[in-house]
PDB file of N, CA and C in Angstrom:
ATOM      1  N   MET A   1       1.795  11.599  18.049  1.00  0.00           N
ATOM      2  CA  MET A   1       1.575  10.272  17.476  1.00  0.00           C
ATOM      3  C   MET A   1       2.425   9.277  18.254  1.00  0.00           C
ATOM      4  N   ASN A   2       1.856   8.149  18.536  1.00  0.00           N
ATOM      5  CA  ASN A   2       2.597   7.054  19.156  1.00  0.00           C
ATOM      6  C   ASN A   2       3.119   6.136  18.058  1.00  0.00           C
ATOM      7  N   TYR A   3       4.247   5.512  18.350  1.00  0.00           N
ATOM      8  CA  TYR A   3       4.892   4.615  17.390  1.00  0.00           C
ATOM      9  C   TYR A   3       5.190   3.289  18.064  1.00  0.00           C
ATOM     10  N   ARG A   4       5.267   2.248  17.263  1.00  0.00           N
ATOM     11  CA  ARG A   4       5.594   0.913  17.769  1.00  0.00           C
ATOM     12  C   ARG A   4       6.717   0.314  16.945  1.00  0.00           C
ATOM     13  N   ASP A   5       7.603  -0.383  17.657  1.00  0.00           N
ATOM     14  CA  ASP A   5       8.690  -1.092  16.990  1.00  0.00           C
ATOM     15  C   ASP A   5       8.142  -2.297  16.239  1.00  0.00           C
ATOM     16  N   VAL A   6       8.694  -2.556  15.081  1.00  0.00           N
ATOM     17  CA  VAL A   6       8.349  -3.758  14.315  1.00  0.00           C
ATOM     18  C   VAL A   6       9.449  -4.774  14.611  1.00  0.00           C
ATOM     19  N   GLY A   7       9.195  -5.599  15.619  1.00  0.00           N
ATOM     20  CA  GLY A   7      10.197  -6.582  16.036  1.00  0.00           C
ATOM     21  C   GLY A   7      11.508  -5.900  16.354  1.00  0.00           C
ATOM     22  N   ASN A   8      12.595  -6.490  15.879  1.00  0.00           N
ATOM     23  CA  ASN A   8      13.922  -5.898  16.100  1.00  0.00           C
ATOM     24  C   ASN A   8      14.502  -5.347  14.793  1.00  0.00           C
ATOM     25  N   THR A   9      13.619  -4.877  13.905  1.00  0.00           N
ATOM     26  CA  THR A   9      14.041  -4.382  12.589  1.00  0.00           C
ATOM     27  C   THR A   9      14.594  -2.960  12.627  1.00  0.00           C
ATOM     28  N   GLY A  10      14.324  -2.242  13.706  1.00  0.00           N
ATOM     29  CA  GLY A  10      14.688  -0.835  13.758  1.00  0.00           C
ATOM     30  C   GLY A  10      13.631   0.063  13.134  1.00  0.00           C
ATOM     31  N   ILE A  11      12.570  -0.530  12.631  1.00  0.00           N
ATOM     32  CA  ILE A  11      11.474   0.234  12.027  1.00  0.00           C
ATOM     33  C   ILE A  11      10.450   0.556  13.109  1.00  0.00           C
ATOM     34  N   ARG A  12      10.045   1.812  13.145  1.00  0.00           N
ATOM     35  CA  ARG A  12       9.004   2.257  14.078  1.00  0.00           C
ATOM     36  C   ARG A  12       7.839   2.803  13.246  1.00  0.00           C
ATOM     37  N   LEU A  13       6.710   2.138  13.361  1.00  0.00           N
ATOM     38  CA  LEU A  13       5.525   2.554  12.611  1.00  0.00           C
ATOM     39  C   LEU A  13       4.573   3.323  13.509  1.00  0.00           C
ATOM     40  N   SER A  14       3.934   4.317  12.930  1.00  0.00           N
ATOM     41  CA  SER A  14       2.901   5.043  13.659  1.00  0.00           C
ATOM     42  C   SER A  14       1.762   4.080  13.979  1.00  0.00           C
ATOM     43  N   GLU A  15       1.139   4.291  15.146  1.00  0.00           N
ATOM     44  CA  GLU A  15       0.029   3.417  15.536  1.00  0.00           C
ATOM     45  C   GLU A  15      -1.169   3.587  14.614  1.00  0.00           C
ATOM     46  N   ILE A  16      -1.219   4.685  13.925  1.00  0.00           N
ATOM     47  CA  ILE A  16      -2.278   4.931  12.946  1.00  0.00           C
ATOM     48  C   ILE A  16      -1.634   4.981  11.567  1.00  0.00           C
ATOM     49  N   GLY A  17      -2.163   4.189  10.656  1.00  0.00           N
ATOM     50  CA  GLY A  17      -1.691   4.208   9.276  1.00  0.00           C
ATOM     51  C   GLY A  17      -2.732   4.853   8.380  1.00  0.00           C
ATOM     52  N   PHE A  18      -2.333   5.125   7.163  1.00  0.00           N
ATOM     53  CA  PHE A  18      -3.230   5.720   6.169  1.00  0.00           C
ATOM     54  C   PHE A  18      -3.710   4.596   5.266  1.00  0.00           C
ATOM     55  N   GLY A  19      -4.956   4.186   5.449  1.00  0.00           N
ATOM     56  CA  GLY A  19      -5.526   3.135   4.622  1.00  0.00           C
ATOM     57  C   GLY A  19      -5.992   3.691   3.290  1.00  0.00           C
ATOM     58  N   CYS A  20      -5.547   3.083   2.215  1.00  0.00           N
ATOM     59  CA  CYS A  20      -5.855   3.583   0.869  1.00  0.00           C
ATOM     60  C   CYS A  20      -6.956   2.788   0.188  1.00  0.00           C
ATOM     61  N   GLY A  21      -7.667   1.970   0.950  1.00  0.00           N
ATOM     62  CA  GLY A  21      -8.718   1.135   0.389  1.00  0.00           C
ATOM     63  C   GLY A  21      -9.826   1.940  -0.262  1.00  0.00           C
ATOM     64  N   GLY A  22     -10.537   1.278  -1.121  1.00  0.00           N
ATOM     65  CA  GLY A  22     -11.575   1.936  -1.902  1.00  0.00           C
ATOM     66  C   GLY A  22     -12.841   2.259  -1.140  1.00  0.00           C
ATOM     67  N   ASN A  23     -12.971   1.808   0.117  1.00  0.00           N
ATOM     68  CA  ASN A  23     -14.212   2.043   0.860  1.00  0.00           C
ATOM     69  C   ASN A  23     -14.556   3.523   0.947  1.00  0.00           C
ATOM     70  N   ALA A  24     -13.603   4.338   1.338  1.00  0.00           N
ATOM     71  CA  ALA A  24     -13.855   5.779   1.438  1.00  0.00           C
ATOM     72  C   ALA A  24     -13.755   6.444   0.070  1.00  0.00           C
ATOM     73  N   GLY A  25     -12.967   5.870  -0.809  1.00  0.00           N
ATOM     74  CA  GLY A  25     -12.910   6.334  -2.188  1.00  0.00           C
ATOM     75  C   GLY A  25     -11.900   7.411  -2.513  1.00  0.00           C
ATOM     76  N   LEU A  26     -11.257   8.018  -1.508  1.00  0.00           N
ATOM     77  CA  LEU A  26     -10.369   9.148  -1.775  1.00  0.00           C
ATOM     78  C   LEU A  26      -9.243   8.798  -2.732  1.00  0.00           C
ATOM     79  N   MET A  27      -8.538   7.700  -2.501  1.00  0.00           N
ATOM     80  CA  MET A  27      -7.374   7.377  -3.320  1.00  0.00           C
ATOM     81  C   MET A  27      -7.759   6.778  -4.670  1.00  0.00           C
ATOM     82  N   VAL A  28      -9.045   6.496  -4.847  1.00  0.00           N
ATOM     83  CA  VAL A  28      -9.520   5.983  -6.130  1.00  0.00           C
ATOM     84  C   VAL A  28     -10.279   7.071  -6.891  1.00  0.00           C
ATOM     85  N   LYS A  29     -11.148   7.797  -6.186  1.00  0.00           N
ATOM     86  CA  LYS A  29     -12.037   8.744  -6.862  1.00  0.00           C
ATOM     87  C   LYS A  29     -11.743  10.213  -6.566  1.00  0.00           C
ATOM     88  N   GLY A  30     -10.890  10.483  -5.592  1.00  0.00           N
ATOM     89  CA  GLY A  30     -10.576  11.872  -5.264  1.00  0.00           C
ATOM     90  C   GLY A  30      -9.712  12.513  -6.337  1.00  0.00           C
ATOM     91  N   THR A  31      -9.644  13.829  -6.307  1.00  0.00           N
ATOM     92  CA  THR A  31      -8.769  14.537  -7.239  1.00  0.00           C
ATOM     93  C   THR A  31      -7.327  14.422  -6.744  1.00  0.00           C
ATOM     94  N   PRO A  32      -6.358  14.577  -7.629  1.00  0.00           N
ATOM     95  CA  PRO A  32      -4.964  14.551  -7.183  1.00  0.00           C
ATOM     96  C   PRO A  32      -4.688  15.569  -6.076  1.00  0.00           C
ATOM     97  N   GLU A  33      -5.301  16.731  -6.155  1.00  0.00           N
ATOM     98  CA  GLU A  33      -5.117  17.753  -5.123  1.00  0.00           C
ATOM     99  C   GLU A  33      -5.665  17.268  -3.779  1.00  0.00           C
ATOM    100  N   GLN A  34      -6.852  16.671  -3.770  1.00  0.00           N
ATOM    101  CA  GLN A  34      -7.432  16.142  -2.532  1.00  0.00           C
ATOM    102  C   GLN A  34      -6.551  15.037  -1.955  1.00  0.00           C
ATOM    103  N   GLN A  35      -6.042  14.186  -2.818  1.00  0.00           N
ATOM    104  CA  GLN A  35      -5.189  13.087  -2.367  1.00  0.00           C
ATOM    105  C   GLN A  35      -3.905  13.618  -1.736  1.00  0.00           C
ATOM    106  N   ARG A  36      -3.252  14.557  -2.403  1.00  0.00           N
ATOM    107  CA  ARG A  36      -2.013  15.141  -1.855  1.00  0.00           C
ATOM    108  C   ARG A  36      -2.277  15.832  -0.524  1.00  0.00           C
ATOM    109  N   GLU A  37      -3.377  16.557  -0.439  1.00  0.00           N
ATOM    110  CA  GLU A  37      -3.710  17.277   0.793  1.00  0.00           C
ATOM    111  C   GLU A  37      -3.934  16.300   1.950  1.00  0.00           C
ATOM    112  N   ALA A  38      -4.660  15.227   1.705  1.00  0.00           N
ATOM    113  CA  ALA A  38      -4.918  14.240   2.757  1.00  0.00           C
ATOM    114  C   ALA A  38      -3.625  13.558   3.195  1.00  0.00           C
ATOM    115  N   ILE A  39      -2.785  13.214   2.241  1.00  0.00           N
ATOM    116  CA  ILE A  39      -1.509  12.567   2.558  1.00  0.00           C
ATOM    117  C   ILE A  39      -0.616  13.523   3.337  1.00  0.00           C
ATOM    118  N   GLN A  40      -0.539  14.773   2.908  1.00  0.00           N
ATOM    119  CA  GLN A  40       0.282  15.764   3.608  1.00  0.00           C
ATOM    120  C   GLN A  40      -0.209  15.954   5.041  1.00  0.00           C
ATOM    121  N   THR A  41      -1.517  16.024   5.233  1.00  0.00           N
ATOM    122  CA  THR A  41      -2.080  16.167   6.578  1.00  0.00           C
ATOM    123  C   THR A  41      -1.725  14.962   7.439  1.00  0.00           C
ATOM    124  N   ALA A  42      -1.827  13.776   6.868  1.00  0.00           N
ATOM    125  CA  ALA A  42      -1.468  12.563   7.617  1.00  0.00           C
ATOM    126  C   ALA A  42       0.004  12.593   8.014  1.00  0.00           C
ATOM    127  N   LEU A  43       0.871  12.940   7.081  1.00  0.00           N
ATOM    128  CA  LEU A  43       2.305  13.002   7.376  1.00  0.00           C
ATOM    129  C   LEU A  43       2.601  14.033   8.459  1.00  0.00           C
ATOM    130  N   GLU A  44       1.986  15.192   8.370  1.00  0.00           N
ATOM    131  CA  GLU A  44       2.190  16.243   9.373  1.00  0.00           C
ATOM    132  C   GLU A  44       1.672  15.819  10.741  1.00  0.00           C
ATOM    133  N   SER A  45       0.717  14.890  10.755  1.00  0.00           N
ATOM    134  CA  SER A  45       0.169  14.369  12.009  1.00  0.00           C
ATOM    135  C   SER A  45       1.007  13.226  12.569  1.00  0.00           C
ATOM    136  N   GLY A  46       2.038  12.817  11.842  1.00  0.00           N
ATOM    137  CA  GLY A  46       2.930  11.771  12.326  1.00  0.00           C
ATOM    138  C   GLY A  46       2.715  10.404  11.719  1.00  0.00           C
ATOM    139  N   VAL A  47       1.731  10.265  10.837  1.00  0.00           N
ATOM    140  CA  VAL A  47       1.520   8.983  10.159  1.00  0.00           C
ATOM    141  C   VAL A  47       2.726   8.729   9.263  1.00  0.00           C
ATOM    142  N   ASN A  48       3.287   7.517   9.382  1.00  0.00           N
ATOM    143  CA  ASN A  48       4.480   7.236   8.569  1.00  0.00           C
ATOM    144  C   ASN A  48       4.355   5.976   7.723  1.00  0.00           C
ATOM    145  N   TYR A  49       3.135   5.401   7.664  1.00  0.00           N
ATOM    146  CA  TYR A  49       2.977   4.279   6.733  1.00  0.00           C
ATOM    147  C   TYR A  49       1.612   4.296   6.067  1.00  0.00           C
ATOM    148  N   PHE A  50       1.621   3.774   4.840  1.00  0.00           N
ATOM    149  CA  PHE A  50       0.445   3.794   3.981  1.00  0.00           C
ATOM    150  C   PHE A  50       0.147   2.373   3.534  1.00  0.00           C
ATOM    151  N   ASP A  51      -1.116   1.983   3.679  1.00  0.00           N
ATOM    152  CA  ASP A  51      -1.553   0.619   3.401  1.00  0.00           C
ATOM    153  C   ASP A  51      -2.263   0.565   2.055  1.00  0.00           C
ATOM    154  N   GLU A  52      -1.727  -0.247   1.158  1.00  0.00           N
ATOM    155  CA  GLU A  52      -2.244  -0.368  -0.204  1.00  0.00           C
ATOM    156  C   GLU A  52      -2.564  -1.816  -0.544  1.00  0.00           C
ATOM    157  N   ALA A  53      -3.189  -2.005  -1.689  1.00  0.00           N
ATOM    158  CA  ALA A  53      -3.427  -3.332  -2.263  1.00  0.00           C
ATOM    159  C   ALA A  53      -3.803  -3.164  -3.729  1.00  0.00           C
ATOM    160  N   PRO A  54      -3.411  -4.118  -4.566  1.00  0.00           N
ATOM    161  CA  PRO A  54      -3.792  -4.049  -5.982  1.00  0.00           C
ATOM    162  C   PRO A  54      -5.305  -4.023  -6.188  1.00  0.00           C
ATOM    163  N   ASP A  55      -6.044  -4.620  -5.258  1.00  0.00           N
ATOM    164  CA  ASP A  55      -7.498  -4.674  -5.387  1.00  0.00           C
ATOM    165  C   ASP A  55      -8.171  -3.331  -5.143  1.00  0.00           C
ATOM    166  N   TYR A  56      -7.486  -2.394  -4.531  1.00  0.00           N
ATOM    167  CA  TYR A  56      -8.099  -1.097  -4.237  1.00  0.00           C
ATOM    168  C   TYR A  56      -8.243  -0.313  -5.542  1.00  0.00           C
ATOM    169  N   GLY A  57      -9.448  -0.333  -6.069  1.00  0.00           N
ATOM    170  CA  GLY A  57      -9.716   0.364  -7.328  1.00  0.00           C
ATOM    171  C   GLY A  57      -9.016  -0.259  -8.515  1.00  0.00           C
ATOM    172  N   ASP A  58      -8.799  -1.577  -8.467  1.00  0.00           N
ATOM    173  CA  ASP A  58      -8.101  -2.284  -9.556  1.00  0.00           C
ATOM    174  C   ASP A  58      -6.753  -1.644  -9.879  1.00  0.00           C
ATOM    175  N   GLY A  59      -6.013  -1.278  -8.837  1.00  0.00           N
ATOM    176  CA  GLY A  59      -4.683  -0.710  -9.015  1.00  0.00           C
ATOM    177  C   GLY A  59      -4.644   0.806  -9.068  1.00  0.00           C
ATOM    178  N   VAL A  60      -5.801   1.437  -9.220  1.00  0.00           N
ATOM    179  CA  VAL A  60      -5.848   2.899  -9.322  1.00  0.00           C
ATOM    180  C   VAL A  60      -5.314   3.551  -8.049  1.00  0.00           C
ATOM    181  N   SER A  61      -5.658   2.992  -6.895  1.00  0.00           N
ATOM    182  CA  SER A  61      -5.199   3.568  -5.635  1.00  0.00           C
ATOM    183  C   SER A  61      -3.678   3.540  -5.530  1.00  0.00           C
ATOM    184  N   GLU A  62      -3.056   2.421  -5.928  1.00  0.00           N
ATOM    185  CA  GLU A  62      -1.590   2.351  -5.899  1.00  0.00           C
ATOM    186  C   GLU A  62      -0.977   3.400  -6.824  1.00  0.00           C
ATOM    187  N   THR A  63      -1.524   3.528  -8.013  1.00  0.00           N
ATOM    188  CA  THR A  63      -1.019   4.525  -8.963  1.00  0.00           C
ATOM    189  C   THR A  63      -1.144   5.932  -8.391  1.00  0.00           C
ATOM    190  N   ASN A  64      -2.298   6.231  -7.809  1.00  0.00           N
ATOM    191  CA  ASN A  64      -2.529   7.571  -7.267  1.00  0.00           C
ATOM    192  C   ASN A  64      -1.651   7.852  -6.053  1.00  0.00           C
ATOM    193  N   LEU A  65      -1.464   6.855  -5.183  1.00  0.00           N
ATOM    194  CA  LEU A  65      -0.580   7.055  -4.033  1.00  0.00           C
ATOM    195  C   LEU A  65       0.841   7.316  -4.510  1.00  0.00           C
ATOM    196  N   GLY A  66       1.312   6.512  -5.437  1.00  0.00           N
ATOM    197  CA  GLY A  66       2.665   6.687  -5.951  1.00  0.00           C
ATOM    198  C   GLY A  66       2.884   8.066  -6.540  1.00  0.00           C
ATOM    199  N   GLN A  67       1.919   8.546  -7.309  1.00  0.00           N
ATOM    200  CA  GLN A  67       2.049   9.878  -7.911  1.00  0.00           C
ATOM    201  C   GLN A  67       2.029  10.962  -6.845  1.00  0.00           C
ATOM    202  N   ALA A  68       1.141  10.829  -5.872  1.00  0.00           N
ATOM    203  CA  ALA A  68       1.053  11.841  -4.814  1.00  0.00           C
ATOM    204  C   ALA A  68       2.335  11.894  -3.989  1.00  0.00           C
ATOM    205  N   LEU A  69       2.890  10.736  -3.644  1.00  0.00           N
ATOM    206  CA  LEU A  69       4.138  10.712  -2.875  1.00  0.00           C
ATOM    207  C   LEU A  69       5.276  11.321  -3.682  1.00  0.00           C
ATOM    208  N   LYS A  70       5.298  11.039  -4.974  1.00  0.00           N
ATOM    209  CA  LYS A  70       6.319  11.631  -5.847  1.00  0.00           C
ATOM    210  C   LYS A  70       6.162  13.151  -5.884  1.00  0.00           C
ATOM    211  N   ASP A  71       4.925  13.614  -6.054  1.00  0.00           N
ATOM    212  CA  ASP A  71       4.665  15.055  -6.097  1.00  0.00           C
ATOM    213  C   ASP A  71       5.089  15.738  -4.799  1.00  0.00           C
ATOM    214  N   LEU A  72       4.865  15.047  -3.669  1.00  0.00           N
ATOM    215  CA  LEU A  72       5.208  15.613  -2.360  1.00  0.00           C
ATOM    216  C   LEU A  72       6.685  15.431  -2.019  1.00  0.00           C
ATOM    217  N   GLY A  73       7.373  14.572  -2.761  1.00  0.00           N
ATOM    218  CA  GLY A  73       8.791  14.333  -2.507  1.00  0.00           C
ATOM    219  C   GLY A  73       9.060  13.593  -1.213  1.00  0.00           C
ATOM    220  N   VAL A  74       8.174  12.656  -0.866  1.00  0.00           N
ATOM    221  CA  VAL A  74       8.329  11.895   0.382  1.00  0.00           C
ATOM    222  C   VAL A  74       8.294  10.401   0.095  1.00  0.00           C
ATOM    223  N   ARG A  75       8.878   9.640   1.000  1.00  0.00           N
ATOM    224  CA  ARG A  75       8.856   8.173   0.865  1.00  0.00           C
ATOM    225  C   ARG A  75       8.616   7.543   2.238  1.00  0.00           C
ATOM    226  N   PRO A  76       7.349   7.532   2.683  1.00  0.00           N
ATOM    227  CA  PRO A  76       7.032   6.859   3.938  1.00  0.00           C
ATOM    228  C   PRO A  76       7.078   5.345   3.736  1.00  0.00           C
ATOM    229  N   TYR A  77       6.838   4.612   4.798  1.00  0.00           N
ATOM    230  CA  TYR A  77       6.728   3.161   4.674  1.00  0.00           C
ATOM    231  C   TYR A  77       5.464   2.839   3.882  1.00  0.00           C
ATOM    232  N   ILE A  78       5.574   1.852   2.998  1.00  0.00           N
ATOM    233  CA  ILE A  78       4.435   1.431   2.180  1.00  0.00           C
ATOM    234  C   ILE A  78       4.261  -0.072   2.339  1.00  0.00           C
ATOM    235  N   THR A  79       3.031  -0.468   2.579  1.00  0.00           N
ATOM    236  CA  THR A  79       2.694  -1.885   2.585  1.00  0.00           C
ATOM    237  C   THR A  79       1.695  -2.135   1.462  1.00  0.00           C
ATOM    238  N   THR A  80       1.848  -3.264   0.802  1.00  0.00           N
ATOM    239  CA  THR A  80       0.845  -3.667  -0.173  1.00  0.00           C
ATOM    240  C   THR A  80       0.567  -5.147   0.041  1.00  0.00           C
ATOM    241  N   LYS A  81      -0.284  -5.680  -0.767  1.00  0.00           N
ATOM    242  CA  LYS A  81      -0.752  -7.046  -0.542  1.00  0.00           C
ATOM    243  C   LYS A  81      -0.698  -7.861  -1.831  1.00  0.00           C
ATOM    244  N   VAL A  82      -0.743  -9.167  -1.636  1.00  0.00           N
ATOM    245  CA  VAL A  82      -0.866 -10.116  -2.739  1.00  0.00           C
ATOM    246  C   VAL A  82      -2.062 -10.994  -2.415  1.00  0.00           C
ATOM    247  N   GLU A  83      -2.957 -11.116  -3.365  1.00  0.00           N
ATOM    248  CA  GLU A  83      -4.099 -12.014  -3.189  1.00  0.00           C
ATOM    249  C   GLU A  83      -3.774 -13.339  -3.864  1.00  0.00           C
ATOM    250  N   VAL A  84      -3.783 -14.398  -3.076  1.00  0.00           N
ATOM    251  CA  VAL A  84      -3.546 -15.735  -3.627  1.00  0.00           C
ATOM    252  C   VAL A  84      -4.904 -16.424  -3.740  1.00  0.00           C
ATOM    253  N   ARG A  85      -5.291 -16.720  -4.970  1.00  0.00           N
ATOM    254  CA  ARG A  85      -6.577 -17.368  -5.226  1.00  0.00           C
ATOM    255  C   ARG A  85      -6.353 -18.834  -5.593  1.00  0.00           C
ATOM    256  N   VAL A  86      -7.395 -19.592  -5.539  1.00  0.00           N
ATOM    257  CA  VAL A  86      -7.311 -21.017  -5.852  1.00  0.00           C
ATOM    258  C   VAL A  86      -6.721 -21.231  -7.242  1.00  0.00           C
ATOM    259  N   ASP A  87      -7.053 -20.372  -8.200  1.00  0.00           N
ATOM    260  CA  ASP A  87      -6.533 -20.548  -9.561  1.00  0.00           C
ATOM    261  C   ASP A  87      -5.052 -20.182  -9.680  1.00  0.00           C
ATOM    262  N   ASN A  88      -4.431 -19.685  -8.602  1.00  0.00           N
ATOM    263  CA  ASN A  88      -2.999 -19.371  -8.602  1.00  0.00           C
ATOM    264  C   ASN A  88      -2.169 -20.431  -7.887  1.00  0.00           C
ATOM    265  N   LEU A  89      -2.806 -21.449  -7.338  1.00  0.00           N
ATOM    266  CA  LEU A  89      -2.093 -22.396  -6.479  1.00  0.00           C
ATOM    267  C   LEU A  89      -1.035 -23.206  -7.220  1.00  0.00           C
ATOM    268  N   ASP A  90      -1.151 -23.353  -8.531  1.00  0.00           N
ATOM    269  CA  ASP A  90      -0.159 -24.135  -9.273  1.00  0.00           C
ATOM    270  C   ASP A  90       1.145 -23.363  -9.483  1.00  0.00           C
ATOM    271  N   ASP A  91       1.129 -22.046  -9.283  1.00  0.00           N
ATOM    272  CA  ASP A  91       2.336 -21.223  -9.436  1.00  0.00           C
ATOM    273  C   ASP A  91       2.278 -20.046  -8.463  1.00  0.00           C
ATOM    274  N   ILE A  92       2.219 -20.353  -7.173  1.00  0.00           N
ATOM    275  CA  ILE A  92       2.104 -19.302  -6.161  1.00  0.00           C
ATOM    276  C   ILE A  92       3.287 -18.343  -6.237  1.00  0.00           C
ATOM    277  N   ALA A  93       4.499 -18.884  -6.330  1.00  0.00           N
ATOM    278  CA  ALA A  93       5.694 -18.027  -6.356  1.00  0.00           C
ATOM    279  C   ALA A  93       5.651 -17.069  -7.545  1.00  0.00           C
ATOM    280  N   GLY A  94       5.329 -17.588  -8.714  1.00  0.00           N
ATOM    281  CA  GLY A  94       5.255 -16.742  -9.902  1.00  0.00           C
ATOM    282  C   GLY A  94       4.179 -15.684  -9.771  1.00  0.00           C
ATOM    283  N   HIS A  95       3.042 -16.079  -9.211  1.00  0.00           N
ATOM    284  CA  HIS A  95       1.949 -15.128  -9.017  1.00  0.00           C
ATOM    285  C   HIS A  95       2.377 -14.001  -8.078  1.00  0.00           C
ATOM    286  N   ILE A  96       3.049 -14.353  -6.985  1.00  0.00           N
ATOM    287  CA  ILE A  96       3.496 -13.339  -6.025  1.00  0.00           C
ATOM    288  C   ILE A  96       4.475 -12.377  -6.690  1.00  0.00           C
ATOM    289  N   VAL A  97       5.441 -12.912  -7.427  1.00  0.00           N
ATOM    290  CA  VAL A  97       6.431 -12.056  -8.103  1.00  0.00           C
ATOM    291  C   VAL A  97       5.739 -11.114  -9.087  1.00  0.00           C
ATOM    292  N   ARG A  98       4.826 -11.642  -9.889  1.00  0.00           N
ATOM    293  CA  ARG A  98       4.123 -10.794 -10.867  1.00  0.00           C
ATOM    294  C   ARG A  98       3.302  -9.707 -10.167  1.00  0.00           C
ATOM    295  N   SER A  99       2.600 -10.090  -9.111  1.00  0.00           N
ATOM    296  CA  SER A  99       1.770  -9.134  -8.390  1.00  0.00           C
ATOM    297  C   SER A  99       2.614  -8.020  -7.773  1.00  0.00           C
ATOM    298  N   VAL A 100       3.730  -8.398  -7.145  1.00  0.00           N
ATOM    299  CA  VAL A 100       4.604  -7.390  -6.535  1.00  0.00           C
ATOM    300  C   VAL A 100       5.206  -6.489  -7.609  1.00  0.00           C
ATOM    301  N   ASP A 101       5.672  -7.068  -8.706  1.00  0.00           N
ATOM    302  CA  ASP A 101       6.238  -6.256  -9.792  1.00  0.00           C
ATOM    303  C   ASP A 101       5.222  -5.241 -10.317  1.00  0.00           C
ATOM    304  N   GLN A 102       3.974  -5.670 -10.468  1.00  0.00           N
ATOM    305  CA  GLN A 102       2.934  -4.761 -10.949  1.00  0.00           C
ATOM    306  C   GLN A 102       2.658  -3.656  -9.930  1.00  0.00           C
ATOM    307  N   SER A 103       2.651  -4.019  -8.640  1.00  0.00           N
ATOM    308  CA  SER A 103       2.447  -3.008  -7.597  1.00  0.00           C
ATOM    309  C   SER A 103       3.587  -1.996  -7.587  1.00  0.00           C
ATOM    310  N   LEU A 104       4.823  -2.483  -7.703  1.00  0.00           N
ATOM    311  CA  LEU A 104       5.978  -1.575  -7.717  1.00  0.00           C
ATOM    312  C   LEU A 104       5.876  -0.588  -8.876  1.00  0.00           C
ATOM    313  N   GLU A 105       5.463  -1.094 -10.025  1.00  0.00           N
ATOM    314  CA  GLU A 105       5.320  -0.224 -11.198  1.00  0.00           C
ATOM    315  C   GLU A 105       4.252   0.835 -10.963  1.00  0.00           C
ATOM    316  N   ARG A 106       3.099   0.411 -10.436  1.00  0.00           N
ATOM    317  CA  ARG A 106       2.023   1.379 -10.191  1.00  0.00           C
ATOM    318  C   ARG A 106       2.430   2.409  -9.135  1.00  0.00           C
ATOM    319  N   LEU A 107       3.111   1.951  -8.090  1.00  0.00           N
ATOM    320  CA  LEU A 107       3.533   2.851  -7.013  1.00  0.00           C
ATOM    321  C   LEU A 107       4.715   3.733  -7.415  1.00  0.00           C
ATOM    322  N   GLY A 108       5.451   3.312  -8.432  1.00  0.00           N
ATOM    323  CA  GLY A 108       6.617   4.072  -8.867  1.00  0.00           C
ATOM    324  C   GLY A 108       7.775   3.989  -7.892  1.00  0.00           C
ATOM    325  N   VAL A 109       7.924   2.826  -7.249  1.00  0.00           N
ATOM    326  CA  VAL A 109       9.004   2.623  -6.276  1.00  0.00           C
ATOM    327  C   VAL A 109       9.771   1.355  -6.629  1.00  0.00           C
ATOM    328  N   ASP A 110      10.950   1.209  -6.020  1.00  0.00           N
ATOM    329  CA  ASP A 110      11.778   0.027  -6.249  1.00  0.00           C
ATOM    330  C   ASP A 110      11.465  -1.105  -5.283  1.00  0.00           C
ATOM    331  N   TYR A 111      10.806  -0.781  -4.177  1.00  0.00           N
ATOM    332  CA  TYR A 111      10.497  -1.786  -3.158  1.00  0.00           C
ATOM    333  C   TYR A 111       9.327  -1.308  -2.309  1.00  0.00           C
ATOM    334  N   VAL A 112       8.654  -2.257  -1.678  1.00  0.00           N
ATOM    335  CA  VAL A 112       7.688  -1.936  -0.630  1.00  0.00           C
ATOM    336  C   VAL A 112       8.290  -2.426   0.676  1.00  0.00           C
ATOM    337  N   ASP A 113       7.875  -1.819   1.758  1.00  0.00           N
ATOM    338  CA  ASP A 113       8.463  -2.137   3.053  1.00  0.00           C
ATOM    339  C   ASP A 113       7.862  -3.389   3.678  1.00  0.00           C
ATOM    340  N   PHE A 114       6.604  -3.640   3.397  1.00  0.00           N
ATOM    341  CA  PHE A 114       5.917  -4.807   3.944  1.00  0.00           C
ATOM    342  C   PHE A 114       5.009  -5.389   2.872  1.00  0.00           C
ATOM    343  N   LEU A 115       4.903  -6.701   2.869  1.00  0.00           N
ATOM    344  CA  LEU A 115       4.035  -7.405   1.929  1.00  0.00           C
ATOM    345  C   LEU A 115       3.136  -8.330   2.734  1.00  0.00           C
ATOM    346  N   GLN A 116       1.844  -8.260   2.465  1.00  0.00           N
ATOM    347  CA  GLN A 116       0.878  -9.071   3.198  1.00  0.00           C
ATOM    348  C   GLN A 116       0.098  -9.949   2.227  1.00  0.00           C
ATOM    349  N   LEU A 117      -0.333 -11.106   2.709  1.00  0.00           N
ATOM    350  CA  LEU A 117      -1.250 -11.942   1.935  1.00  0.00           C
ATOM    351  C   LEU A 117      -2.659 -11.439   2.200  1.00  0.00           C
ATOM    352  N   HIS A 118      -3.449 -11.323   1.164  1.00  0.00           N
ATOM    353  CA  HIS A 118      -4.771 -10.703   1.231  1.00  0.00           C
ATOM    354  C   HIS A 118      -5.812 -11.683   0.717  1.00  0.00           C
ATOM    355  N   ASN A 119      -6.845 -11.922   1.499  1.00  0.00           N
ATOM    356  CA  ASN A 119      -7.961 -12.769   1.069  1.00  0.00           C
ATOM    357  C   ASN A 119      -7.493 -14.116   0.529  1.00  0.00           C
ATOM    358  N   GLY A 120      -6.672 -14.799   1.290  1.00  0.00           N
ATOM    359  CA  GLY A 120      -6.176 -16.107   0.864  1.00  0.00           C
ATOM    360  C   GLY A 120      -7.298 -17.116   0.691  1.00  0.00           C
ATOM    361  N   PRO A 121      -7.044 -18.164  -0.089  1.00  0.00           N
ATOM    362  CA  PRO A 121      -8.086 -19.168  -0.336  1.00  0.00           C
ATOM    363  C   PRO A 121      -8.378 -19.974   0.924  1.00  0.00           C
ATOM    364  N   VAL A 122      -9.604 -20.389   1.045  1.00  0.00           N
ATOM    365  CA  VAL A 122     -10.002 -21.251   2.154  1.00  0.00           C
ATOM    366  C   VAL A 122      -9.864 -22.687   1.677  1.00  0.00           C
ATOM    367  N   MET A 123      -9.045 -23.440   2.364  1.00  0.00           N
ATOM    368  CA  MET A 123      -8.812 -24.833   1.989  1.00  0.00           C
ATOM    369  C   MET A 123      -9.555 -25.731   2.973  1.00  0.00           C
ATOM    370  N   GLU A 124     -10.215 -26.761   2.450  1.00  0.00           N
ATOM    371  CA  GLU A 124     -10.932 -27.694   3.328  1.00  0.00           C
ATOM    372  C   GLU A 124     -10.172 -28.982   3.453  1.00  0.00           C
TER     373      GLU A 124
END
């Protein structure tokens, strides 16, 4: 596996991450055993970060990833996202804090390593 530095943070991420989106359905509809097996295979292959979002299965994917990582006893890098919608513009900061807190709870962790804005509003 090849790795890349994230700026000057000292963090090296694998060039391939484990996407937990609902498109393939594994982290939303797979069995816990299938999820653990896929995650273990990815880790053994050198993948060291997992990409999540609250929108993936309405939070189910985050919950399932958190449980699988706990079961495996590992803590790779985790990224999640915050979706800022037009109806959140009056309290963006509060919305971000609430969204992150909910993600942390579902993932069963104290922090995420990276936070991304997801599907931001289009302003004219």
